[in-house]
Amino acid sequence: MGKIKVKTPLVELDGDEMTRIIWKEIKDRFIYPYLDITLEYYDLGVEYRDKTDDQVTVDSANAIKKHGVGVKCATITPNADRVKEYNLKQEWKSPNGTIRAILDGTVFRKPIIIKNIPAAVNSWKKPIAIGRHAYGDIYRDVEILVDGPGKVELVYTDASGKEKQRLLVNEFKGAGVALAMHNLDESIKSFAKACFTYALSEKISIWFATKDTISKKYHARFRDIFDNMAKEQDAAMKAAGITYSYYLIDDAVAQIMKNEGGQLWALMNYDGDVMSDMVASGFGSLGLMTSVLVSPDGKYEYEAAHGTVTRHYRKYQKGETTSTNSVASIFAWTGALAKRGELDGTPDVVNFALKLEEAIIETIEGGEMTKDLLSLSTAAKKTELDTFQFMEAVQKRLDSKLK
């Protein structure tokens, strides 16, 4: 068969370590042989981000704004150890945080359901989607090390230069640390709107959770905006047969463990980061979690919900065999391709993406999988495949589907 034409360029954001190795293999096995596609490439590997003073991250986000759809490999957010390891200029900010801020997007994460990978939480019967706010909090914080006695204050000066508020953060008797976080009403409103739109389109109820009993201004602001949005969407929710519920974050965690699932759980930025990993692990593996960043004006960036799999990369560097789960990375590509085909009006592209997803699921349900899934699977007969053998097995199933 001839190659399937993808009309509009797809923005590709490369990454780091083991996922970078997998990324290249995905393109060589599943993209180039089947698709006539233009990939607008940006190298978000930590060394190139350092070389460009992180301008490449900004450029990639603006490219997604231009073309509408991007697909991103997992990347390193460097700490002090990584700065030393890669000889970097500084501890660069999270590229995901930078892209989210530029697109003003909301991250939705949802588990990939596979019949022979049962949820670790017995009560979970339906997928739990996580809606993660994509701006602010600790991802855009300002931090200082306090080296001795003194005070740290939070000061607000308006645009005219007039000091409006001055609050004591802490009177330090010795060394310590302090940070300041911020958020924007418009970003919170965009987040709330995106969550209600997603819930209505999927016909799933929405939970929202913060800690407004402790954070009576910062967290409470989020709750007020969500509560107001719920009032605005009341008629639409009733028509769709869904509901909105607010929980304190600790109560939500307790309730989610006893719930059957099937809802959108909307969370602030850090909470969403943590709870999406918990939900992914509870449904089987971080390697079985989709993630998409959606902007208010309909731009999309797809990625895996896990990190760069450093431990496997160290083995790969030594020439040792690895059994790294590539499912979420491949699903990032299929999600982006399906959305690209939907926006372009090219059903052949959408169909190809769906066939590739089917091939992955059928491979695992047929008993062929990577090591992380082996102990989780209830398949009668299971075969452990290494990183590249698994993708080869998927490709064979894909080829049979495309005949």
Protein backbone atom coordinates (compact mmCIF):
# COMPACT_ATOMS: atom_id res chain seq x y z
CA MET A 1 0.00 0.00 0.00
CA GLY A 2 1.10 3.58 -0.62
CA LYS A 3 1.94 5.98 2.16
CA ILE A 4 -0.92 7.88 3.81
CA LYS A 5 -0.70 11.63 3.27
CA VAL A 6 -0.73 13.88 6.35
CA LYS A 7 -1.75 17.29 5.02
CA THR A 8 -0.46 19.63 7.74
CA PRO A 9 2.96 19.52 9.43
CA LEU A 10 3.06 17.86 12.84
CA VAL A 11 5.26 19.57 15.43
CA GLU A 12 7.71 17.07 16.94
CA LEU A 13 9.44 17.74 20.25
CA ASP A 14 12.30 15.32 20.93
CA GLY A 15 13.43 14.46 24.45
CA ASP A 16 15.94 12.74 26.66
CA GLU A 17 17.50 9.44 27.71
CA MET A 18 15.67 6.13 27.16
CA THR A 19 12.54 7.77 25.84
CA ARG A 20 14.66 9.52 23.20
CA ILE A 21 15.95 6.11 22.07
CA ILE A 22 12.38 4.78 21.96
CA TRP A 23 11.21 7.93 20.15
CA LYS A 24 13.55 7.31 17.23
CA GLU A 25 12.47 3.66 17.04
CA ILE A 26 8.80 4.70 16.95
CA LYS A 27 9.45 7.00 14.00
CA ASP A 28 11.47 4.40 12.16
CA ARG A 29 8.90 1.61 12.70
CA PHE A 30 5.51 3.33 12.77
CA ILE A 31 5.74 6.75 11.18
CA TYR A 32 8.10 6.91 8.21
CA PRO A 33 7.16 3.54 6.62
CA TYR A 34 3.43 4.32 6.55
CA LEU A 35 2.97 8.10 6.42
CA ASP A 36 3.86 10.84 3.99
CA ILE A 37 4.35 13.41 6.74
CA THR A 38 6.23 16.63 7.43
CA LEU A 39 7.58 16.77 10.96
CA GLU A 40 8.61 20.22 12.20
CA TYR A 41 11.39 19.09 14.53
CA TYR A 42 12.52 20.71 17.79
CA ASP A 43 15.22 19.14 19.95
CA LEU A 44 14.15 19.50 23.59
CA GLY A 45 16.97 17.31 24.83
CA VAL A 46 18.43 19.00 27.90
CA GLU A 47 21.80 19.68 26.23
CA TYR A 48 20.23 21.55 23.31
CA ARG A 49 17.89 23.43 25.61
CA ASP A 50 21.00 24.52 27.50
CA LYS A 51 22.78 25.49 24.28
CA THR A 52 19.86 27.71 23.21
CA ASP A 53 19.21 29.10 26.71
CA ASP A 54 15.86 27.26 26.52
CA GLN A 55 14.73 29.30 23.50
CA VAL A 56 14.04 26.04 21.65
CA THR A 57 11.28 25.26 24.16
CA VAL A 58 9.62 28.60 23.50
CA ASP A 59 9.99 28.09 19.75
CA SER A 60 8.40 24.64 19.93
CA ALA A 61 5.39 25.98 21.84
CA ASN A 62 4.91 28.74 19.29
CA ALA A 63 5.11 26.14 16.50
CA ILE A 64 2.25 24.23 18.15
CA LYS A 65 0.32 27.50 18.24
CA LYS A 66 0.93 27.86 14.51
CA HIS A 67 0.21 24.31 13.33
CA GLY A 68 -2.29 23.23 15.98
CA VAL A 69 -0.90 19.81 16.99
CA GLY A 70 2.36 18.67 18.54
CA VAL A 71 3.78 15.43 19.92
CA LYS A 72 6.38 15.48 22.69
CA CYS A 73 8.93 13.01 24.02
CA ALA A 74 9.64 12.91 27.76
CA THR A 75 12.27 15.42 28.89
CA ILE A 76 14.57 16.07 31.86
CA THR A 77 13.85 18.92 34.25
CA PRO A 78 17.37 19.32 35.65
CA ASN A 79 18.17 19.51 39.36
CA ALA A 80 21.62 20.26 40.80
CA ASP A 81 22.84 16.72 40.09
CA ARG A 82 21.72 16.92 36.46
CA VAL A 83 23.40 20.31 36.01
CA LYS A 84 26.67 18.69 37.05
CA GLU A 85 26.08 15.53 35.00
CA TYR A 86 25.33 17.40 31.76
CA ASN A 87 27.53 20.46 32.48
CA LEU A 88 24.55 22.81 32.16
CA LYS A 89 24.50 26.57 32.67
CA GLN A 90 21.67 26.41 35.19
CA GLU A 91 18.71 24.39 36.50
CA TRP A 92 16.38 25.08 33.60
CA LYS A 93 12.65 25.25 34.25
CA SER A 94 10.39 22.36 33.33
CA PRO A 95 9.87 22.43 29.54
CA ASN A 96 6.36 21.13 30.11
CA GLY A 97 5.66 24.06 32.42
CA THR A 98 6.98 26.53 29.85
CA ILE A 99 4.87 25.04 27.06
CA ARG A 100 1.76 24.93 29.26
CA ALA A 101 2.21 28.59 30.15
CA ILE A 102 2.61 29.67 26.53
CA LEU A 103 -0.40 27.65 25.34
CA ASP A 104 -2.45 28.44 28.49
CA GLY A 105 -3.44 24.78 28.33
CA THR A 106 -5.00 22.15 30.53
CA VAL A 107 -3.49 18.66 30.78
CA PHE A 108 -5.88 15.70 30.57
CA ARG A 109 -4.49 12.28 31.47
CA LYS A 110 -6.37 9.02 31.08
CA PRO A 111 -5.36 5.37 31.53
CA ILE A 112 -5.19 2.94 28.62
CA ILE A 113 -7.49 0.06 29.51
CA ILE A 114 -6.22 -3.43 28.65
CA LYS A 115 -8.36 -6.46 29.51
CA ASN A 116 -5.61 -8.60 31.01
CA ILE A 117 -4.05 -5.77 33.05
CA PRO A 118 -6.58 -5.37 35.89
CA ALA A 119 -6.60 -2.27 38.09
CA ALA A 120 -4.62 -2.61 41.31
CA VAL A 121 -7.47 -0.84 43.09
CA ASN A 122 -10.29 -3.38 43.14
CA SER A 123 -13.07 -0.80 43.11
CA TRP A 124 -11.85 0.87 39.89
CA LYS A 125 -13.96 -0.37 36.98
CA LYS A 126 -13.93 2.67 34.66
CA PRO A 127 -11.12 5.02 33.55
CA ILE A 128 -10.43 7.99 35.80
CA ALA A 129 -9.43 11.02 33.74
CA ILE A 130 -7.18 13.60 35.41
CA GLY A 131 -7.55 17.27 34.45
CA ARG A 132 -4.38 19.06 35.55
CA HIS A 133 -4.12 22.84 35.61
CA ALA A 134 -1.25 23.78 33.39
CA TYR A 135 -0.02 27.05 34.83
CA GLY A 136 1.69 28.39 37.91
CA ASP A 137 2.11 26.95 41.40
CA ILE A 138 5.58 25.51 42.10
CA TYR A 139 6.27 25.16 38.35
CA ARG A 140 6.65 28.94 38.10
CA ASP A 141 7.66 29.71 41.67
CA VAL A 142 10.40 31.98 42.98
CA GLU A 143 12.61 30.45 45.65
CA ILE A 144 15.34 31.72 47.96
CA LEU A 145 17.76 30.19 50.41
CA VAL A 146 17.83 32.15 53.67
CA ASP A 147 21.34 32.00 55.09
CA GLY A 148 20.73 33.49 58.51
CA PRO A 149 18.46 35.53 60.79
CA GLY A 150 16.17 38.00 59.07
CA LYS A 151 12.70 38.26 57.60
CA VAL A 152 11.04 37.34 54.33
CA GLU A 153 8.06 39.43 53.18
CA LEU A 154 5.49 39.20 50.42
CA VAL A 155 4.89 42.62 48.86
CA TYR A 156 2.32 43.72 46.28
CA THR A 157 2.99 46.99 44.46
CA ASP A 158 0.38 48.09 41.91
CA ALA A 159 1.11 49.29 38.38
CA SER A 160 1.39 52.92 39.52
CA GLY A 161 4.16 51.99 41.94
CA LYS A 162 2.03 52.25 45.08
CA GLU A 163 2.61 49.58 47.68
CA LYS A 164 -0.76 47.97 48.40
CA GLN A 165 0.08 45.05 50.70
CA ARG A 166 3.04 43.83 52.73
CA LEU A 167 2.82 40.49 54.56
CA LEU A 168 5.40 38.83 56.76
CA VAL A 169 6.17 35.34 55.46
CA ASN A 170 8.46 34.43 58.35
CA GLU A 171 10.86 35.94 60.86
CA PHE A 172 13.87 33.65 60.48
CA LYS A 173 16.00 32.90 63.54
CA GLY A 174 18.46 30.98 61.40
CA ALA A 175 18.90 29.48 57.94
CA GLY A 176 15.91 28.20 55.96
CA VAL A 177 14.08 28.40 52.66
CA ALA A 178 11.13 30.34 51.23
CA LEU A 179 9.15 30.37 48.03
CA ALA A 180 6.43 32.44 46.41
CA MET A 181 3.83 31.11 43.96
CA HIS A 182 1.27 32.83 41.79
CA ASN A 183 -1.64 32.15 39.50
CA LEU A 184 -3.90 34.15 37.19
CA ASP A 185 -7.68 34.44 37.19
CA GLU A 186 -7.76 34.10 33.42
CA SER A 187 -5.71 30.91 33.53
CA ILE A 188 -7.89 29.40 36.25
CA LYS A 189 -11.02 30.31 34.26
CA SER A 190 -9.55 28.73 31.13
CA PHE A 191 -8.75 25.62 33.17
CA ALA A 192 -12.28 25.43 34.58
CA LYS A 193 -13.84 26.00 31.16
CA ALA A 194 -11.67 23.29 29.59
CA CYS A 195 -12.59 20.82 32.34
CA PHE A 196 -16.33 21.39 32.01
CA THR A 197 -16.11 21.22 28.22
CA TYR A 198 -14.20 17.94 28.43
CA ALA A 199 -16.62 16.48 30.98
CA LEU A 200 -19.64 17.45 28.89
CA SER A 201 -18.13 16.03 25.70
CA GLU A 202 -17.28 12.74 27.44
CA LYS A 203 -20.52 12.76 29.48
CA ILE A 204 -18.63 12.13 32.72
CA SER A 205 -19.12 13.85 36.07
CA ILE A 206 -16.48 16.24 37.34
CA TRP A 207 -14.74 16.35 40.70
CA PHE A 208 -12.68 19.34 41.78
CA ALA A 209 -10.41 19.26 44.84
CA THR A 210 -8.26 21.82 46.69
CA LYS A 211 -7.42 22.64 50.32
CA ASP A 212 -9.38 25.89 50.72
CA THR A 213 -9.83 25.32 54.46
CA ILE A 214 -6.09 25.98 54.85
CA SER A 215 -5.34 28.20 51.84
CA LYS A 216 -8.20 30.66 52.27
CA LYS A 217 -7.15 32.93 49.41
CA TYR A 218 -5.01 30.97 46.89
CA HIS A 219 -6.89 27.66 46.92
CA ALA A 220 -10.19 29.35 47.70
CA ARG A 221 -9.85 31.42 44.53
CA PHE A 222 -9.74 28.21 42.48
CA ARG A 223 -12.83 26.87 44.25
CA ASP A 224 -14.79 30.11 43.72
CA ILE A 225 -14.05 30.10 39.98
CA PHE A 226 -14.96 26.41 39.61
CA ASP A 227 -18.16 26.86 41.65
CA ASN A 228 -19.18 29.80 39.45
CA MET A 229 -18.43 27.82 36.29
CA ALA A 230 -20.57 24.97 37.63
CA LYS A 231 -23.49 27.38 38.06
CA GLU A 232 -23.04 28.62 34.48
CA GLN A 233 -22.95 25.05 33.15
CA ASP A 234 -25.79 23.73 35.35
CA ALA A 235 -28.35 23.33 32.54
CA ALA A 236 -25.84 21.71 30.20
CA MET A 237 -24.74 19.28 32.92
CA LYS A 238 -28.32 18.30 33.72
CA ALA A 239 -28.99 17.69 30.04
CA ALA A 240 -25.88 15.50 29.84
CA GLY A 241 -26.77 13.65 33.03
CA ILE A 242 -23.56 14.59 34.83
CA THR A 243 -22.77 16.38 38.09
CA TYR A 244 -20.11 18.64 39.63
CA SER A 245 -18.72 17.93 43.11
CA TYR A 246 -16.19 19.80 45.23
CA TYR A 247 -13.97 17.92 47.70
CA LEU A 248 -11.14 18.84 50.00
CA ILE A 249 -8.08 17.20 48.43
CA ASP A 250 -7.55 14.73 51.29
CA ASP A 251 -11.22 13.71 51.19
CA ALA A 252 -11.05 13.32 47.40
CA VAL A 253 -8.06 10.98 47.73
CA ALA A 254 -9.94 8.88 50.28
CA GLN A 255 -13.09 8.80 48.15
CA ILE A 256 -11.32 7.99 44.88
CA MET A 257 -9.92 4.77 46.36
CA LYS A 258 -13.46 3.51 46.99
CA ASN A 259 -15.04 4.83 43.80
CA GLU A 260 -15.62 2.80 40.63
CA GLY A 261 -14.15 5.57 38.45
CA GLY A 262 -15.61 7.04 35.31
CA GLN A 263 -15.17 10.71 36.24
CA LEU A 264 -12.92 13.65 35.43
CA TRP A 265 -10.88 14.60 38.49
CA ALA A 266 -9.83 18.23 38.10
CA LEU A 267 -6.75 19.22 40.10
CA MET A 268 -4.33 22.08 40.58
CA ASN A 269 -0.94 21.83 38.88
CA TYR A 270 1.13 19.97 41.50
CA ASP A 271 -1.78 17.83 42.71
CA GLY A 272 -2.49 16.81 39.11
CA ASP A 273 1.14 15.88 38.56
CA VAL A 274 1.16 13.60 41.61
CA MET A 275 -2.32 12.11 41.34
CA SER A 276 -2.00 11.30 37.65
CA ASP A 277 0.96 9.05 38.52
CA MET A 278 -1.07 7.46 41.32
CA VAL A 279 -4.01 6.80 39.00
CA ALA A 280 -1.72 5.49 36.26
CA SER A 281 -0.01 3.10 38.67
CA GLY A 282 -3.38 2.05 40.10
CA PHE A 283 -4.59 1.11 36.64
CA GLY A 284 -1.46 -0.88 35.91
CA SER A 285 1.54 1.19 34.89
CA LEU A 286 2.79 4.70 34.18
CA GLY A 287 3.51 3.28 30.75
CA LEU A 288 -0.24 2.93 30.19
CA MET A 289 -1.28 6.57 30.61
CA THR A 290 -2.16 9.05 27.86
CA SER A 291 -1.60 12.78 28.26
CA VAL A 292 -2.76 15.71 26.17
CA LEU A 293 -2.35 19.44 26.72
CA VAL A 294 -5.33 21.37 25.34
CA SER A 295 -5.36 25.15 24.95
CA PRO A 296 -8.55 27.25 25.15
CA ASP A 297 -8.32 27.99 21.40
CA GLY A 298 -7.99 24.33 20.42
CA LYS A 299 -4.25 23.59 20.17
CA TYR A 300 -3.07 20.14 21.22
CA GLU A 301 0.20 18.67 22.51
CA TYR A 302 0.36 14.91 23.13
CA GLU A 303 2.98 13.17 25.26
CA ALA A 304 3.58 10.18 27.51
CA ALA A 305 2.69 10.74 31.15
CA HIS A 306 5.97 9.25 32.43
CA GLY A 307 9.56 10.42 32.62
CA THR A 308 12.74 9.61 30.70
CA VAL A 309 13.30 6.15 32.29
CA THR A 310 16.83 6.99 33.45
CA ARG A 311 17.51 3.58 35.03
CA HIS A 312 16.93 1.79 31.73
CA TYR A 313 18.99 4.38 29.88
CA ARG A 314 21.99 3.61 32.10
CA LYS A 315 21.65 -0.06 31.16
CA TYR A 316 21.26 0.83 27.47
CA GLN A 317 24.46 2.91 27.63
CA LYS A 318 26.30 -0.17 28.94
CA GLY A 319 24.99 -2.25 26.06
CA GLU A 320 22.64 -4.22 28.30
CA THR A 321 19.17 -5.37 27.23
CA THR A 322 16.24 -3.28 28.44
CA SER A 323 12.53 -4.00 28.56
CA THR A 324 11.12 -0.49 28.51
CA ASN A 325 7.39 0.06 28.01
CA SER A 326 6.86 2.19 24.89
CA VAL A 327 3.05 2.12 24.92
CA ALA A 328 2.45 5.65 26.26
CA SER A 329 5.02 7.12 23.86
CA ILE A 330 3.38 5.39 20.88
CA PHE A 331 -0.04 6.54 22.09
CA ALA A 332 1.31 10.09 22.14
CA TRP A 333 1.96 9.72 18.42
CA THR A 334 -1.40 8.07 17.72
CA GLY A 335 -3.23 10.75 19.69
CA ALA A 336 -1.47 13.51 17.75
CA LEU A 337 -2.02 11.79 14.41
CA ALA A 338 -5.71 11.17 15.11
CA LYS A 339 -6.22 14.81 16.08
CA ARG A 340 -4.20 15.99 13.05
CA GLY A 341 -6.38 13.84 10.80
CA GLU A 342 -9.56 15.06 12.49
CA LEU A 343 -8.59 18.72 12.05
CA ASP A 344 -7.41 18.16 8.47
CA GLY A 345 -10.46 16.12 7.49
CA THR A 346 -8.32 13.11 6.52
CA PRO A 347 -10.03 9.96 7.86
CA ASP A 348 -7.24 7.72 6.55
CA VAL A 349 -4.85 9.33 9.03
CA VAL A 350 -7.33 8.89 11.89
CA ASN A 351 -7.91 5.26 10.90
CA PHE A 352 -4.17 4.56 10.82
CA ALA A 353 -3.79 5.93 14.35
CA LEU A 354 -6.66 3.77 15.61
CA LYS A 355 -5.24 0.66 13.91
CA LEU A 356 -1.88 1.24 15.58
CA GLU A 357 -3.56 1.57 18.99
CA GLU A 358 -5.51 -1.65 18.35
CA ALA A 359 -2.28 -3.42 17.41
CA ILE A 360 -0.65 -2.38 20.69
CA ILE A 361 -3.59 -3.50 22.85
CA GLU A 362 -3.98 -6.79 20.98
CA THR A 363 -0.27 -7.52 21.35
CA ILE A 364 -0.46 -7.16 25.13
CA GLU A 365 -3.79 -8.99 25.40
CA GLY A 366 -2.19 -11.74 23.31
CA GLY A 367 0.43 -12.22 26.02
CA GLU A 368 3.40 -10.34 24.52
CA MET A 369 4.57 -7.46 26.72
CA THR A 370 7.44 -5.65 28.42
CA LYS A 371 8.72 -6.66 31.85
CA ASP A 372 6.80 -4.01 33.83
CA LEU A 373 3.47 -5.49 32.70
CA LEU A 374 4.40 -9.15 33.11
CA SER A 375 3.59 -9.40 36.82
CA LEU A 376 0.40 -7.37 36.34
CA SER A 377 -1.06 -9.39 33.48
CA THR A 378 -3.63 -12.14 33.99
CA ALA A 379 -2.91 -13.67 30.56
CA ALA A 380 -2.69 -17.47 30.62
CA LYS A 381 0.50 -17.39 28.58
CA LYS A 382 2.92 -14.49 28.86
CA THR A 383 6.11 -13.69 26.98
CA GLU A 384 8.53 -11.01 28.14
CA LEU A 385 9.85 -8.92 25.26
CA ASP A 386 12.65 -6.40 25.35
CA THR A 387 12.21 -2.77 24.31
CA PHE A 388 12.65 -3.39 20.60
CA GLN A 389 11.08 -6.85 20.39
CA PHE A 390 7.82 -5.43 21.72
CA MET A 391 7.68 -2.77 19.02
CA GLU A 392 8.52 -5.40 16.41
CA ALA A 393 5.58 -7.53 17.63
CA VAL A 394 3.27 -4.51 17.43
CA GLN A 395 4.46 -3.74 13.91
CA LYS A 396 3.66 -7.27 12.75
CA ARG A 397 0.09 -6.92 14.04
CA LEU A 398 -0.21 -3.48 12.47
CA ASP A 399 0.91 -4.82 9.08
CA SER A 400 -1.73 -7.56 9.21
CA LYS A 401 -4.40 -4.96 9.98
CA LEU A 402 -3.38 -2.72 7.08
CA LYS A 403 -3.44 -5.44 4.40
